[in-house]
Amino acid sequence: MNDSVQRYLASLPPIRTHLLAGALLFVHATAMLPGVSRIALLGSLTTTKASPKDIDLLVTVADDKESSL
């Protein structure tokens, strides 16, 4: 993480910092997978809500990729 991201996370309430750090780890790992074209952050974490409960992410995958899940 670069310094500006670390400073931003440090300025947030602890739960938001924890959730955003988890989302960032997920995004970095998922973005490397074949067929992933977009990852979008949705839900309460994108608002000013003080204590969001979870992370909502939408992963867009190319139509021609098979799921291995």
C-alpha atoms as a PDB file:
ATOM      1  CA  MET A   1       0.000   0.000   0.000  1.00  0.00           C
ATOM      2  CA  ASN A   2       1.306   3.431  -0.813  1.00  0.00           C
ATOM      3  CA  ASP A   3       1.584   6.212   1.777  1.00  0.00           C
ATOM      4  CA  SER A   4      -1.526   8.126   0.703  1.00  0.00           C
ATOM      5  CA  VAL A   5      -3.709   4.994   1.018  1.00  0.00           C
ATOM      6  CA  GLN A   6      -2.241   4.242   4.445  1.00  0.00           C
ATOM      7  CA  ARG A   7      -2.894   7.822   5.617  1.00  0.00           C
ATOM      8  CA  TYR A   8      -6.474   7.657   4.328  1.00  0.00           C
ATOM      9  CA  LEU A   9      -7.147   4.346   6.075  1.00  0.00           C
ATOM     10  CA  ALA A  10      -5.636   5.657   9.313  1.00  0.00           C
ATOM     11  CA  SER A  11      -8.098   8.569   9.297  1.00  0.00           C
ATOM     12  CA  LEU A  12     -11.169   6.291   9.208  1.00  0.00           C
ATOM     13  CA  PRO A  13     -13.059   4.618  12.067  1.00  0.00           C
ATOM     14  CA  PRO A  14     -11.504   1.190  12.861  1.00  0.00           C
ATOM     15  CA  ILE A  15     -14.322  -0.898  11.321  1.00  0.00           C
ATOM     16  CA  ARG A  16     -14.163   1.007   8.038  1.00  0.00           C
ATOM     17  CA  THR A  17     -10.379   0.630   7.996  1.00  0.00           C
ATOM     18  CA  HIS A  18     -10.667  -3.105   8.616  1.00  0.00           C
ATOM     19  CA  LEU A  19     -13.305  -3.596   5.905  1.00  0.00           C
ATOM     20  CA  LEU A  20     -11.520  -1.437   3.317  1.00  0.00           C
ATOM     21  CA  ALA A  21      -8.209  -3.197   3.955  1.00  0.00           C
ATOM     22  CA  GLY A  22      -9.943  -6.552   3.415  1.00  0.00           C
ATOM     23  CA  ALA A  23     -11.571  -5.289   0.231  1.00  0.00           C
ATOM     24  CA  LEU A  24      -8.218  -4.065  -1.050  1.00  0.00           C
ATOM     25  CA  LEU A  25      -6.593  -7.451  -0.429  1.00  0.00           C
ATOM     26  CA  PHE A  26      -9.467  -9.169  -2.246  1.00  0.00           C
ATOM     27  CA  VAL A  27      -9.240  -6.761  -5.190  1.00  0.00           C
ATOM     28  CA  HIS A  28      -5.484  -7.232  -5.578  1.00  0.00           C
ATOM     29  CA  ALA A  29      -5.830 -11.030  -5.607  1.00  0.00           C
ATOM     30  CA  THR A  30      -8.964 -11.202  -7.740  1.00  0.00           C
ATOM     31  CA  ALA A  31      -7.817  -8.708 -10.363  1.00  0.00           C
ATOM     32  CA  MET A  32      -5.078 -11.180 -11.359  1.00  0.00           C
ATOM     33  CA  LEU A  33      -7.553 -13.949 -12.233  1.00  0.00           C
ATOM     34  CA  PRO A  34      -8.214 -14.657 -15.924  1.00  0.00           C
ATOM     35  CA  GLY A  35     -11.417 -13.114 -17.225  1.00  0.00           C
ATOM     36  CA  VAL A  36     -11.920 -10.547 -14.457  1.00  0.00           C
ATOM     37  CA  SER A  37     -12.679  -7.262 -16.189  1.00  0.00           C
ATOM     38  CA  ARG A  38     -13.990  -5.119 -13.342  1.00  0.00           C
ATOM     39  CA  ILE A  39     -14.393  -5.082  -9.574  1.00  0.00           C
ATOM     40  CA  ALA A  40     -16.797  -2.555  -8.069  1.00  0.00           C
ATOM     41  CA  LEU A  41     -17.273  -1.554  -4.436  1.00  0.00           C
ATOM     42  CA  LEU A  42     -20.974  -1.192  -3.574  1.00  0.00           C
ATOM     43  CA  GLY A  43     -23.197  -0.837  -0.532  1.00  0.00           C
ATOM     44  CA  SER A  44     -22.813   0.926   2.791  1.00  0.00           C
ATOM     45  CA  LEU A  45     -19.029   1.033   2.617  1.00  0.00           C
ATOM     46  CA  THR A  46     -19.365   3.605  -0.195  1.00  0.00           C
ATOM     47  CA  THR A  47     -21.444   5.903   2.026  1.00  0.00           C
ATOM     48  CA  THR A  48     -20.669   7.954   5.112  1.00  0.00           C
ATOM     49  CA  LYS A  49     -22.295   5.328   7.355  1.00  0.00           C
ATOM     50  CA  ALA A  50     -20.113   5.200  10.475  1.00  0.00           C
ATOM     51  CA  SER A  51     -20.250   1.444  11.089  1.00  0.00           C
ATOM     52  CA  PRO A  52     -20.891  -0.639   7.988  1.00  0.00           C
ATOM     53  CA  LYS A  53     -21.293  -4.357   8.697  1.00  0.00           C
ATOM     54  CA  ASP A  54     -19.862  -5.916   5.543  1.00  0.00           C
ATOM     55  CA  ILE A  55     -18.186  -5.430   2.184  1.00  0.00           C
ATOM     56  CA  ASP A  56     -20.220  -5.549  -1.014  1.00  0.00           C
ATOM     57  CA  LEU A  57     -18.133  -6.174  -4.130  1.00  0.00           C
ATOM     58  CA  LEU A  58     -19.335  -6.898  -7.650  1.00  0.00           C
ATOM     59  CA  VAL A  59     -16.894  -8.865  -9.811  1.00  0.00           C
ATOM     60  CA  THR A  60     -17.469  -8.761 -13.568  1.00  0.00           C
ATOM     61  CA  VAL A  61     -16.094 -11.766 -15.466  1.00  0.00           C
ATOM     62  CA  ALA A  62     -15.893 -12.232 -19.237  1.00  0.00           C
ATOM     63  CA  ASP A  63     -18.676 -14.396 -20.700  1.00  0.00           C
ATOM     64  CA  ASP A  64     -16.220 -16.834 -22.244  1.00  0.00           C
ATOM     65  CA  LYS A  65     -14.609 -17.832 -18.930  1.00  0.00           C
ATOM     66  CA  GLU A  66     -15.752 -20.968 -17.099  1.00  0.00           C
ATOM     67  CA  SER A  67     -16.262 -20.887 -13.374  1.00  0.00           C
ATOM     68  CA  SER A  68     -14.122 -23.261 -11.338  1.00  0.00           C
ATOM     69  CA  LEU A  69     -16.138 -22.767  -8.141  1.00  0.00           C
END
